[in-house]
Amino acid sequence: MINPALKDVLIDLGFEEAELTDTASIRQDLQLDSTETVDISLGLKRRLGINIKLESRQDITLAQISEKIAQAVDQSSSSDSNYVENTVSAKS
């Protein structure tokens, strides 16, 4: 399943929702160039506060990008939890 934030970013770039399938690859199917790839990364950073590095020569599917997003969100959440735990411990 495609991450909703990724779908929103791609729609903002002018893609039709029907084009956005799990198996669509960013280079071959959507024909994204390196500038558009950076736009995706920046859009995800603005929407979710995460950094997703998409290699300019790498052709990956939207499902694979969605998995990277899920991992980054999980990692970000655990980092936030550690920060809260450390802050609470320091105040005690």
Protein backbone atom coordinates (compact mmCIF):
# COMPACT_ATOMS: atom_id res chain seq x y z
CA MET A 1 0.00 0.00 0.00
CA ILE A 2 1.28 3.45 -0.89
CA ASN A 3 1.87 5.80 2.02
CA PRO A 4 -0.78 8.58 1.95
CA ALA A 5 1.83 11.34 2.34
CA LEU A 6 3.79 9.94 -0.62
CA LYS A 7 0.60 9.81 -2.66
CA ASP A 8 -0.16 13.45 -1.77
CA VAL A 9 3.34 14.57 -2.78
CA LEU A 10 3.07 12.77 -6.12
CA ILE A 11 -0.38 14.22 -6.81
CA ASP A 12 1.05 17.67 -6.02
CA LEU A 13 3.70 16.95 -8.69
CA GLY A 14 0.91 16.40 -11.21
CA PHE A 15 0.37 12.65 -11.22
CA GLU A 16 -3.09 11.15 -11.45
CA GLU A 17 -4.07 8.88 -8.57
CA ALA A 18 -4.71 6.05 -11.04
CA GLU A 19 -1.01 6.10 -12.02
CA LEU A 20 0.10 5.57 -8.43
CA THR A 21 0.24 1.83 -7.86
CA ASP A 22 2.40 -0.23 -5.51
CA THR A 23 4.37 -1.63 -8.43
CA ALA A 24 4.93 1.68 -10.26
CA SER A 25 8.64 2.46 -10.40
CA ILE A 26 9.77 6.05 -10.08
CA ARG A 27 12.07 6.03 -13.11
CA GLN A 28 10.65 3.60 -15.64
CA ASP A 29 6.92 4.01 -14.98
CA LEU A 30 6.56 7.54 -13.61
CA GLN A 31 9.67 8.86 -15.41
CA LEU A 32 10.76 11.05 -12.52
CA ASP A 33 13.98 12.97 -12.93
CA SER A 34 16.43 13.83 -10.16
CA THR A 35 14.76 17.19 -9.45
CA GLU A 36 11.38 15.54 -8.96
CA THR A 37 12.99 12.93 -6.73
CA VAL A 38 14.35 15.72 -4.53
CA ASP A 39 10.87 17.29 -4.53
CA ILE A 40 9.48 14.00 -3.17
CA SER A 41 12.08 13.91 -0.39
CA LEU A 42 11.39 17.54 0.54
CA GLY A 43 7.63 16.99 0.46
CA LEU A 44 7.94 14.03 2.82
CA LYS A 45 10.16 16.05 5.14
CA ARG A 46 7.57 18.85 5.26
CA ARG A 47 4.63 16.49 5.78
CA LEU A 48 6.15 13.90 8.10
CA GLY A 49 9.37 15.44 9.42
CA ILE A 50 11.47 12.54 8.12
CA ASN A 51 14.43 12.32 5.77
CA ILE A 52 14.11 9.82 2.95
CA LYS A 53 17.10 9.56 0.66
CA LEU A 54 16.12 8.52 -2.84
CA GLU A 55 19.14 7.79 -4.99
CA SER A 56 18.98 9.55 -8.32
CA ARG A 57 19.95 6.46 -10.32
CA GLN A 58 17.99 3.93 -8.30
CA ASP A 59 14.67 2.76 -9.75
CA ILE A 60 12.43 1.63 -6.92
CA THR A 61 8.70 1.09 -6.63
CA LEU A 62 6.26 3.22 -4.69
CA ALA A 63 5.74 0.27 -2.33
CA GLN A 64 9.48 0.22 -1.58
CA ILE A 65 9.47 3.97 -0.90
CA SER A 66 6.46 3.50 1.37
CA GLU A 67 8.42 0.86 3.30
CA LYS A 68 11.32 3.32 3.70
CA ILE A 69 8.84 5.89 4.99
CA ALA A 70 7.41 3.42 7.52
CA GLN A 71 10.91 2.57 8.76
CA ALA A 72 11.86 6.25 9.06
CA VAL A 73 8.64 7.06 10.94
CA ASP A 74 9.22 4.13 13.32
CA GLN A 75 12.80 5.22 13.88
CA SER A 76 11.72 8.82 14.43
CA SER A 77 9.06 7.72 16.92
CA SER A 78 11.51 5.65 18.93
CA SER A 79 13.99 8.56 18.92
CA ASP A 80 11.26 10.86 20.23
CA SER A 81 10.41 8.31 22.94
CA ASN A 82 14.04 8.09 23.99
CA TYR A 83 14.25 11.87 24.15
CA VAL A 84 11.14 12.06 26.34
CA GLU A 85 12.41 9.26 28.59
CA ASN A 86 15.83 10.91 28.92
CA THR A 87 14.26 14.29 29.62
CA VAL A 88 11.98 12.86 32.30
CA SER A 89 14.89 10.95 33.88
CA ALA A 90 17.05 14.06 33.96
CA LYS A 91 14.33 16.05 35.75
CA SER A 92 13.70 13.37 38.39
